[in-house]
Amino acid sequence: MKVLKLFGHVAIIIMLTAITQIGGIIWLLAMIISHKIKKGKRIVFPLLYLLFNIVIIPPIASFFGREKLPWFNDHLKPRNWFYPLAFRNYVNSELKVQLEDAAYALSVSDITITYLDGNFPFLNGFPLLPHLSHNDGKKIDISLMYLDPQGKSTNKKPSTSGYGVFAHSDKNYSTNSCLQKGYWQYDFTKHLTFGTLNNLQLDKGKTAILIKQLLSSPSAHKLFIEPHLKHSLGLSHRSKIRFHGCKAVRHDDHIHYQTK
C-alpha cells in the first residue's frame, strides 16, 4: 500500500508540474505540512495553492522578468479562471505593457482582449503543454471576436476553453492540406472546447481591429492565424501575419501573438 501511495503522489506531482509548473512543488509542501500539523491534504493543499498563486509567486516571477496578467479587468481578462489558477497567465514585462495599452485603446471600440494560454512564471524553455513555443514570456493566445445570434458584437466566446470552435471557410486549404499530409493533431483542439455556444459567429470587423491594434506596436514580432482568415479579414498585406505550419494546431479559433 505504501508503494502504491508513493506512486500516486509521484503521478500527482508530475501531472501538476506539467499543467501548472508550480503545482507539483506545492503538492509536495502540502504533504510535508499536513504530516507535521496532522491536517488532511484536502485542506492544506488548496489553501497553500492559493497562497502561492496570489501572494508568493507573482513577486518572485517579477524578479525574473515575468508578470501575471490580470484576473479581473474590464478590457483585459482571461477566458476563464483556469488560466490564472494554473499559472498560465504570465508574460514578460514588455508584452504585459503592450496588452494593457492595446486593451485601453480598444476599449473605445467596446473590444475586450480575452487571453487564453500565456506562459508559466519561470524558466525559459520550460514547455507549456500542449504548445510548442509558449516558453519564454513573449507569447500569448487571444480569442477572436464574435457576433451573437442577433448579429450584434459580443465579448462572449463560442467555447468554454476558448479553443476548438473554428471559423470555417470553403477556402481553408491549409487545414485540409495538413490533415491530408497526416498531421492528425492539426484540428485536435476541437476535442478541448469543454462546452460550446455554437450560435456565435465570427465578427470580422472587430477581429480585424483587434489584430491591427496588436500589430501596431513597434515590438510586435509576428501573429499566427489561418491563411483563410488573413484573407477574409482583409489583412493579406500584413507581413507580420504568418502561417504557423502543419506541426502546430490550426489557428482559426484563436490568435497567437508574440513580441520580439
C-alpha atoms as a PDB file:
ATOM      1  CA  MET A   1       0.000   0.000   0.000  1.00  0.00           C
ATOM      2  CA  LYS A   2       2.832   2.402   0.824  1.00  0.00           C
ATOM      3  CA  VAL A   3       4.388   1.783  -2.601  1.00  0.00           C
ATOM      4  CA  LEU A   4       1.063   2.452  -4.325  1.00  0.00           C
ATOM      5  CA  LYS A   5       0.598   5.677  -2.351  1.00  0.00           C
ATOM      6  CA  LEU A   6       4.113   6.743  -3.286  1.00  0.00           C
ATOM      7  CA  PHE A   7       3.434   6.125  -6.982  1.00  0.00           C
ATOM      8  CA  GLY A   8       0.148   8.008  -6.624  1.00  0.00           C
ATOM      9  CA  HIS A   9       1.901  11.037  -5.155  1.00  0.00           C
ATOM     10  CA  VAL A  10       4.587  10.926  -7.847  1.00  0.00           C
ATOM     11  CA  ALA A  11       1.903  10.808 -10.545  1.00  0.00           C
ATOM     12  CA  ILE A  12       0.103  13.804  -8.995  1.00  0.00           C
ATOM     13  CA  ILE A  13       3.359  15.773  -8.777  1.00  0.00           C
ATOM     14  CA  ILE A  14       4.178  15.046 -12.434  1.00  0.00           C
ATOM     15  CA  MET A  15       0.663  15.954 -13.579  1.00  0.00           C
ATOM     16  CA  LEU A  16       0.549  19.200 -11.595  1.00  0.00           C
ATOM     17  CA  THR A  17       4.018  20.174 -12.796  1.00  0.00           C
ATOM     18  CA  ALA A  18       3.047  19.572 -16.429  1.00  0.00           C
ATOM     19  CA  ILE A  19      -0.174  21.584 -16.128  1.00  0.00           C
ATOM     20  CA  THR A  20       0.905  24.409 -13.799  1.00  0.00           C
ATOM     21  CA  GLN A  21       4.718  24.255 -13.418  1.00  0.00           C
ATOM     22  CA  ILE A  22       4.400  25.140  -9.699  1.00  0.00           C
ATOM     23  CA  GLY A  23       1.653  22.744  -8.567  1.00  0.00           C
ATOM     24  CA  GLY A  24       3.930  19.743  -8.058  1.00  0.00           C
ATOM     25  CA  ILE A  25       6.107  21.649  -5.596  1.00  0.00           C
ATOM     26  CA  ILE A  26       3.020  22.898  -3.778  1.00  0.00           C
ATOM     27  CA  TRP A  27       1.688  19.327  -3.502  1.00  0.00           C
ATOM     28  CA  LEU A  28       4.996  18.180  -2.048  1.00  0.00           C
ATOM     29  CA  LEU A  29       4.962  21.006   0.509  1.00  0.00           C
ATOM     30  CA  ALA A  30       1.347  20.230   1.345  1.00  0.00           C
ATOM     31  CA  MET A  31       2.295  16.609   2.060  1.00  0.00           C
ATOM     32  CA  ILE A  32       5.031  17.733   4.463  1.00  0.00           C
ATOM     33  CA  ILE A  33       2.907  20.364   6.194  1.00  0.00           C
ATOM     34  CA  SER A  34      -0.165  18.142   6.553  1.00  0.00           C
ATOM     35  CA  HIS A  35       2.023  15.451   8.108  1.00  0.00           C
ATOM     36  CA  LYS A  36       3.513  17.952  10.570  1.00  0.00           C
ATOM     37  CA  ILE A  37       0.253  19.570  11.662  1.00  0.00           C
ATOM     38  CA  LYS A  38      -1.869  16.430  11.365  1.00  0.00           C
ATOM     39  CA  LYS A  39      -4.290  18.004   8.903  1.00  0.00           C
ATOM     40  CA  GLY A  40      -5.523  16.429   5.663  1.00  0.00           C
ATOM     41  CA  LYS A  41      -4.084  17.477   2.320  1.00  0.00           C
ATOM     42  CA  ARG A  42      -7.614  18.265   1.147  1.00  0.00           C
ATOM     43  CA  ILE A  43      -7.478  21.277   3.473  1.00  0.00           C
ATOM     44  CA  VAL A  44      -3.788  22.162   3.290  1.00  0.00           C
ATOM     45  CA  PHE A  45      -3.246  21.898  -0.467  1.00  0.00           C
ATOM     46  CA  PRO A  46      -5.991  24.308  -1.677  1.00  0.00           C
ATOM     47  CA  LEU A  47      -5.037  26.925   0.917  1.00  0.00           C
ATOM     48  CA  LEU A  48      -1.348  26.598   0.149  1.00  0.00           C
ATOM     49  CA  TYR A  49      -2.037  26.655  -3.592  1.00  0.00           C
ATOM     50  CA  LEU A  50      -3.980  29.919  -3.365  1.00  0.00           C
ATOM     51  CA  LEU A  51      -1.291  31.439  -1.145  1.00  0.00           C
ATOM     52  CA  PHE A  52       1.367  30.635  -3.726  1.00  0.00           C
ATOM     53  CA  ASN A  53      -0.818  31.751  -6.644  1.00  0.00           C
ATOM     54  CA  ILE A  54      -1.895  35.097  -5.220  1.00  0.00           C
ATOM     55  CA  VAL A  55       0.890  36.122  -2.827  1.00  0.00           C
ATOM     56  CA  ILE A  56       4.166  34.214  -3.229  1.00  0.00           C
ATOM     57  CA  ILE A  57       4.757  33.524  -6.935  1.00  0.00           C
ATOM     58  CA  PRO A  58       3.936  36.925  -8.543  1.00  0.00           C
ATOM     59  CA  PRO A  59       6.744  38.935  -6.865  1.00  0.00           C
ATOM     60  CA  ILE A  60       9.272  36.134  -7.424  1.00  0.00           C
ATOM     61  CA  ALA A  61       8.287  35.848 -11.092  1.00  0.00           C
ATOM     62  CA  SER A  62       8.554  39.619 -11.468  1.00  0.00           C
ATOM     63  CA  PHE A  63      12.129  39.462 -10.194  1.00  0.00           C
ATOM     64  CA  PHE A  64      12.866  37.050 -13.058  1.00  0.00           C
ATOM     65  CA  GLY A  65      11.166  39.248 -15.656  1.00  0.00           C
ATOM     66  CA  ARG A  66       7.673  37.717 -15.810  1.00  0.00           C
ATOM     67  CA  GLU A  67       4.446  39.323 -14.674  1.00  0.00           C
ATOM     68  CA  LYS A  68       0.965  37.926 -14.360  1.00  0.00           C
ATOM     69  CA  LEU A  69      -1.892  39.261 -16.425  1.00  0.00           C
ATOM     70  CA  PRO A  70      -4.964  40.464 -14.526  1.00  0.00           C
ATOM     71  CA  TRP A  71      -7.789  38.202 -13.405  1.00  0.00           C
ATOM     72  CA  PHE A  72     -10.396  40.947 -13.181  1.00  0.00           C
ATOM     73  CA  ASN A  73     -10.275  43.779 -15.674  1.00  0.00           C
ATOM     74  CA  ASP A  74     -12.940  45.316 -17.870  1.00  0.00           C
ATOM     75  CA  HIS A  75     -10.839  45.202 -21.040  1.00  0.00           C
ATOM     76  CA  LEU A  76      -8.110  42.581 -20.472  1.00  0.00           C
ATOM     77  CA  LYS A  77      -9.149  39.315 -18.856  1.00  0.00           C
ATOM     78  CA  PRO A  78      -8.809  35.523 -19.049  1.00  0.00           C
ATOM     79  CA  ARG A  79     -11.373  33.363 -20.857  1.00  0.00           C
ATOM     80  CA  ASN A  80     -11.968  31.635 -17.535  1.00  0.00           C
ATOM     81  CA  TRP A  81     -10.323  31.126 -14.143  1.00  0.00           C
ATOM     82  CA  PHE A  82      -8.320  28.089 -15.257  1.00  0.00           C
ATOM     83  CA  TYR A  83      -5.603  30.144 -16.949  1.00  0.00           C
ATOM     84  CA  PRO A  84      -4.638  32.289 -13.925  1.00  0.00           C
ATOM     85  CA  LEU A  85      -5.265  29.470 -11.434  1.00  0.00           C
ATOM     86  CA  ALA A  86      -2.922  27.198 -13.401  1.00  0.00           C
ATOM     87  CA  PHE A  87      -0.157  29.854 -13.501  1.00  0.00           C
ATOM     88  CA  ARG A  88      -0.541  30.084 -17.294  1.00  0.00           C
ATOM     89  CA  ASN A  89      -1.136  33.853 -17.384  1.00  0.00           C
ATOM     90  CA  TYR A  90       2.467  35.078 -17.153  1.00  0.00           C
ATOM     91  CA  VAL A  91       4.250  37.158 -19.789  1.00  0.00           C
ATOM     92  CA  ASN A  92       7.339  39.351 -19.800  1.00  0.00           C
ATOM     93  CA  SER A  93       7.009  42.971 -18.735  1.00  0.00           C
ATOM     94  CA  GLU A  94       7.102  44.345 -22.281  1.00  0.00           C
ATOM     95  CA  LEU A  95       4.277  42.116 -23.516  1.00  0.00           C
ATOM     96  CA  LYS A  96       2.171  42.940 -20.471  1.00  0.00           C
ATOM     97  CA  VAL A  97       2.509  46.675 -21.155  1.00  0.00           C
ATOM     98  CA  GLN A  98       1.628  46.091 -24.823  1.00  0.00           C
ATOM     99  CA  LEU A  99      -1.510  44.160 -23.922  1.00  0.00           C
ATOM    100  CA  GLU A 100      -2.595  46.763 -21.367  1.00  0.00           C
ATOM    101  CA  ASP A 101      -2.039  49.595 -23.866  1.00  0.00           C
ATOM    102  CA  ALA A 102      -3.902  47.688 -26.582  1.00  0.00           C
ATOM    103  CA  ALA A 103      -6.778  46.933 -24.220  1.00  0.00           C
ATOM    104  CA  TYR A 104      -7.074  50.617 -23.323  1.00  0.00           C
ATOM    105  CA  ALA A 105      -7.009  51.668 -26.978  1.00  0.00           C
ATOM    106  CA  LEU A 106      -9.592  49.027 -27.948  1.00  0.00           C
ATOM    107  CA  SER A 107     -11.965  49.949 -25.121  1.00  0.00           C
ATOM    108  CA  VAL A 108     -13.370  52.801 -27.251  1.00  0.00           C
ATOM    109  CA  SER A 109     -14.449  50.131 -29.769  1.00  0.00           C
ATOM    110  CA  ASP A 110     -16.030  48.052 -26.986  1.00  0.00           C
ATOM    111  CA  ILE A 111     -13.466  45.295 -27.527  1.00  0.00           C
ATOM    112  CA  THR A 112     -12.182  43.271 -24.601  1.00  0.00           C
ATOM    113  CA  ILE A 113      -8.924  41.373 -25.044  1.00  0.00           C
ATOM    114  CA  THR A 114      -9.659  37.862 -23.816  1.00  0.00           C
ATOM    115  CA  TYR A 115      -6.477  35.914 -23.259  1.00  0.00           C
ATOM    116  CA  LEU A 116      -6.001  32.152 -23.163  1.00  0.00           C
ATOM    117  CA  ASP A 117      -2.632  30.450 -22.586  1.00  0.00           C
ATOM    118  CA  GLY A 118       0.337  32.699 -21.955  1.00  0.00           C
ATOM    119  CA  ASN A 119       3.468  31.364 -20.272  1.00  0.00           C
ATOM    120  CA  PHE A 120       4.498  29.912 -16.917  1.00  0.00           C
ATOM    121  CA  PRO A 121       6.171  32.125 -14.278  1.00  0.00           C
ATOM    122  CA  PHE A 122       9.720  30.760 -14.564  1.00  0.00           C
ATOM    123  CA  LEU A 123      12.440  29.263 -16.757  1.00  0.00           C
ATOM    124  CA  ASN A 124      12.821  29.955 -20.458  1.00  0.00           C
ATOM    125  CA  GLY A 125      12.427  26.694 -22.319  1.00  0.00           C
ATOM    126  CA  PHE A 126      10.077  25.084 -19.794  1.00  0.00           C
ATOM    127  CA  PRO A 127       7.240  23.731 -22.001  1.00  0.00           C
ATOM    128  CA  LEU A 128       3.695  24.959 -21.511  1.00  0.00           C
ATOM    129  CA  LEU A 129       1.916  21.901 -22.883  1.00  0.00           C
ATOM    130  CA  PRO A 130       0.434  21.345 -25.405  1.00  0.00           C
ATOM    131  CA  HIS A 131       2.045  24.390 -27.036  1.00  0.00           C
ATOM    132  CA  LEU A 132       5.315  24.233 -28.942  1.00  0.00           C
ATOM    133  CA  SER A 133       6.619  27.711 -28.175  1.00  0.00           C
ATOM    134  CA  HIS A 134       4.975  29.310 -25.116  1.00  0.00           C
ATOM    135  CA  ASN A 135       8.149  29.073 -23.077  1.00  0.00           C
ATOM    136  CA  ASP A 136       9.881  32.462 -22.980  1.00  0.00           C
ATOM    137  CA  GLY A 137       7.319  35.005 -21.767  1.00  0.00           C
ATOM    138  CA  LYS A 138       6.891  36.503 -25.255  1.00  0.00           C
ATOM    139  CA  LYS A 139       3.804  34.612 -26.438  1.00  0.00           C
ATOM    140  CA  ILE A 140       0.092  34.836 -25.726  1.00  0.00           C
ATOM    141  CA  ASP A 141      -3.058  33.306 -27.226  1.00  0.00           C
ATOM    142  CA  ILE A 142      -6.012  35.654 -27.649  1.00  0.00           C
ATOM    143  CA  SER A 143      -9.626  34.932 -28.556  1.00  0.00           C
ATOM    144  CA  LEU A 144     -11.234  36.165 -31.757  1.00  0.00           C
ATOM    145  CA  MET A 145     -14.252  38.486 -31.636  1.00  0.00           C
ATOM    146  CA  TYR A 146     -17.797  37.234 -32.258  1.00  0.00           C
ATOM    147  CA  LEU A 147     -21.383  38.166 -33.108  1.00  0.00           C
ATOM    148  CA  ASP A 148     -24.404  36.964 -31.138  1.00  0.00           C
ATOM    149  CA  PRO A 149     -27.464  35.350 -32.838  1.00  0.00           C
ATOM    150  CA  GLN A 150     -28.944  38.826 -33.424  1.00  0.00           C
ATOM    151  CA  GLY A 151     -25.804  39.885 -35.293  1.00  0.00           C
ATOM    152  CA  LYS A 152     -24.590  42.212 -32.544  1.00  0.00           C
ATOM    153  CA  SER A 153     -20.952  42.290 -31.454  1.00  0.00           C
ATOM    154  CA  THR A 154     -20.301  40.490 -28.170  1.00  0.00           C
ATOM    155  CA  ASN A 155     -17.355  39.711 -25.928  1.00  0.00           C
ATOM    156  CA  LYS A 156     -18.726  36.202 -25.379  1.00  0.00           C
ATOM    157  CA  LYS A 157     -16.738  33.283 -26.823  1.00  0.00           C
ATOM    158  CA  PRO A 158     -18.009  30.100 -28.507  1.00  0.00           C
ATOM    159  CA  SER A 159     -16.238  27.610 -26.237  1.00  0.00           C
ATOM    160  CA  THR A 160     -15.535  27.282 -22.521  1.00  0.00           C
ATOM    161  CA  SER A 161     -11.811  26.804 -23.029  1.00  0.00           C
ATOM    162  CA  GLY A 162     -11.528  29.433 -25.756  1.00  0.00           C
ATOM    163  CA  TYR A 163     -10.158  26.806 -28.147  1.00  0.00           C
ATOM    164  CA  GLY A 164     -11.686  24.367 -30.617  1.00  0.00           C
ATOM    165  CA  VAL A 165     -14.589  26.207 -32.280  1.00  0.00           C
ATOM    166  CA  PHE A 166     -13.231  27.076 -35.713  1.00  0.00           C
ATOM    167  CA  ALA A 167     -14.178  29.883 -38.070  1.00  0.00           C
ATOM    168  CA  HIS A 168     -14.732  27.658 -41.093  1.00  0.00           C
ATOM    169  CA  SER A 169     -14.281  28.725 -44.682  1.00  0.00           C
ATOM    170  CA  ASP A 170     -14.522  26.930 -48.002  1.00  0.00           C
ATOM    171  CA  LYS A 171     -11.093  28.443 -48.752  1.00  0.00           C
ATOM    172  CA  ASN A 172      -9.447  26.835 -45.729  1.00  0.00           C
ATOM    173  CA  TYR A 173      -6.940  24.905 -47.826  1.00  0.00           C
ATOM    174  CA  SER A 174      -4.245  24.875 -45.143  1.00  0.00           C
ATOM    175  CA  THR A 175      -6.300  22.776 -42.724  1.00  0.00           C
ATOM    176  CA  ASN A 176      -7.317  20.282 -45.394  1.00  0.00           C
ATOM    177  CA  SER A 177      -3.735  20.066 -46.647  1.00  0.00           C
ATOM    178  CA  CYS A 178      -2.254  19.499 -43.179  1.00  0.00           C
ATOM    179  CA  LEU A 179      -4.783  16.790 -42.330  1.00  0.00           C
ATOM    180  CA  GLN A 180      -4.244  15.065 -45.653  1.00  0.00           C
ATOM    181  CA  LYS A 181      -0.487  15.048 -45.012  1.00  0.00           C
ATOM    182  CA  GLY A 182      -1.068  13.083 -41.826  1.00  0.00           C
ATOM    183  CA  TYR A 183      -0.778  15.819 -39.213  1.00  0.00           C
ATOM    184  CA  TRP A 184      -3.600  14.353 -37.118  1.00  0.00           C
ATOM    185  CA  GLN A 185      -3.128  16.861 -34.291  1.00  0.00           C
ATOM    186  CA  TYR A 186      -3.916  19.828 -36.528  1.00  0.00           C
ATOM    187  CA  ASP A 187      -7.572  20.117 -35.520  1.00  0.00           C
ATOM    188  CA  PHE A 188      -7.287  18.213 -32.226  1.00  0.00           C
ATOM    189  CA  THR A 189      -8.417  21.237 -30.214  1.00  0.00           C
ATOM    190  CA  LYS A 190     -11.973  20.522 -31.363  1.00  0.00           C
ATOM    191  CA  HIS A 191     -11.949  17.942 -28.560  1.00  0.00           C
ATOM    192  CA  LEU A 192     -10.837  20.512 -25.960  1.00  0.00           C
ATOM    193  CA  THR A 193     -13.712  23.002 -26.028  1.00  0.00           C
ATOM    194  CA  PHE A 194     -15.168  21.809 -22.666  1.00  0.00           C
ATOM    195  CA  GLY A 195     -18.554  23.086 -23.802  1.00  0.00           C
ATOM    196  CA  THR A 196     -19.645  25.219 -26.746  1.00  0.00           C
ATOM    197  CA  LEU A 197     -22.034  28.011 -27.724  1.00  0.00           C
ATOM    198  CA  ASN A 198     -22.382  27.300 -31.424  1.00  0.00           C
ATOM    199  CA  ASN A 199     -24.750  30.206 -32.117  1.00  0.00           C
ATOM    200  CA  LEU A 200     -21.880  32.723 -32.135  1.00  0.00           C
ATOM    201  CA  GLN A 201     -20.337  33.770 -35.444  1.00  0.00           C
ATOM    202  CA  LEU A 202     -17.010  35.433 -36.204  1.00  0.00           C
ATOM    203  CA  ASP A 203     -17.066  39.236 -36.031  1.00  0.00           C
ATOM    204  CA  LYS A 204     -14.722  40.004 -38.911  1.00  0.00           C
ATOM    205  CA  GLY A 205     -14.725  43.756 -38.373  1.00  0.00           C
ATOM    206  CA  LYS A 206     -13.728  43.768 -34.717  1.00  0.00           C
ATOM    207  CA  THR A 207     -11.349  40.838 -35.094  1.00  0.00           C
ATOM    208  CA  ALA A 208      -9.506  42.837 -37.760  1.00  0.00           C
ATOM    209  CA  ILE A 209      -9.430  45.899 -35.484  1.00  0.00           C
ATOM    210  CA  LEU A 210      -8.032  43.760 -32.656  1.00  0.00           C
ATOM    211  CA  ILE A 211      -5.283  42.310 -34.847  1.00  0.00           C
ATOM    212  CA  LYS A 212      -4.321  45.697 -36.303  1.00  0.00           C
ATOM    213  CA  GLN A 213      -4.032  47.150 -32.803  1.00  0.00           C
ATOM    214  CA  LEU A 214      -1.772  44.325 -31.655  1.00  0.00           C
ATOM    215  CA  LEU A 215       0.465  44.726 -34.701  1.00  0.00           C
ATOM    216  CA  SER A 216       0.702  48.494 -34.276  1.00  0.00           C
ATOM    217  CA  SER A 217       3.271  48.067 -31.504  1.00  0.00           C
ATOM    218  CA  PRO A 218       6.895  48.542 -32.648  1.00  0.00           C
ATOM    219  CA  SER A 219       7.810  45.407 -30.676  1.00  0.00           C
ATOM    220  CA  ALA A 220       5.269  43.201 -32.441  1.00  0.00           C
ATOM    221  CA  HIS A 221       7.131  40.260 -33.968  1.00  0.00           C
ATOM    222  CA  LYS A 222       4.537  38.014 -35.574  1.00  0.00           C
ATOM    223  CA  LEU A 223       0.979  36.836 -35.302  1.00  0.00           C
ATOM    224  CA  PHE A 224      -0.421  33.456 -36.332  1.00  0.00           C
ATOM    225  CA  ILE A 225      -3.865  32.909 -37.840  1.00  0.00           C
ATOM    226  CA  GLU A 226      -5.055  30.618 -40.614  1.00  0.00           C
ATOM    227  CA  PRO A 227      -4.382  31.936 -44.153  1.00  0.00           C
ATOM    228  CA  HIS A 228      -8.104  31.933 -44.967  1.00  0.00           C
ATOM    229  CA  LEU A 229      -8.736  34.284 -42.028  1.00  0.00           C
ATOM    230  CA  LYS A 230      -5.931  36.601 -43.093  1.00  0.00           C
ATOM    231  CA  HIS A 231      -7.632  36.832 -46.491  1.00  0.00           C
ATOM    232  CA  SER A 232     -11.233  37.171 -45.297  1.00  0.00           C
ATOM    233  CA  LEU A 233     -10.312  39.817 -42.711  1.00  0.00           C
ATOM    234  CA  GLY A 234      -8.650  41.945 -45.387  1.00  0.00           C
ATOM    235  CA  LEU A 235      -5.192  41.597 -43.850  1.00  0.00           C
ATOM    236  CA  SER A 236      -3.360  39.936 -46.733  1.00  0.00           C
ATOM    237  CA  HIS A 237      -0.862  42.823 -46.915  1.00  0.00           C
ATOM    238  CA  ARG A 238       0.258  42.393 -43.322  1.00  0.00           C
ATOM    239  CA  SER A 239       3.694  40.759 -43.443  1.00  0.00           C
ATOM    240  CA  LYS A 240       3.807  40.009 -39.709  1.00  0.00           C
ATOM    241  CA  ILE A 241       0.777  37.728 -40.013  1.00  0.00           C
ATOM    242  CA  ARG A 242       2.170  34.267 -40.696  1.00  0.00           C
ATOM    243  CA  PHE A 243       1.113  30.689 -41.267  1.00  0.00           C
ATOM    244  CA  HIS A 244       2.282  28.603 -38.318  1.00  0.00           C
ATOM    245  CA  GLY A 245       2.821  25.351 -40.227  1.00  0.00           C
ATOM    246  CA  CYS A 246       1.268  21.913 -40.015  1.00  0.00           C
ATOM    247  CA  LYS A 247       3.192  20.803 -36.919  1.00  0.00           C
ATOM    248  CA  ALA A 248       1.130  23.158 -34.742  1.00  0.00           C
ATOM    249  CA  VAL A 249      -2.675  23.218 -34.383  1.00  0.00           C
ATOM    250  CA  ARG A 250      -4.997  25.285 -36.513  1.00  0.00           C
ATOM    251  CA  HIS A 251      -5.420  28.964 -35.693  1.00  0.00           C
ATOM    252  CA  ASP A 252      -8.898  29.941 -36.767  1.00  0.00           C
ATOM    253  CA  ASP A 253     -10.225  29.607 -33.222  1.00  0.00           C
ATOM    254  CA  HIS A 254      -7.658  31.955 -31.640  1.00  0.00           C
ATOM    255  CA  ILE A 255      -4.803  34.359 -32.340  1.00  0.00           C
ATOM    256  CA  HIS A 256      -1.213  33.596 -31.408  1.00  0.00           C
ATOM    257  CA  TYR A 257       0.695  36.821 -30.796  1.00  0.00           C
ATOM    258  CA  GLN A 258       4.332  37.301 -29.872  1.00  0.00           C
ATOM    259  CA  THR A 259       6.816  40.094 -29.348  1.00  0.00           C
ATOM    260  CA  LYS A 260      10.436  40.391 -30.474  1.00  0.00           C
END
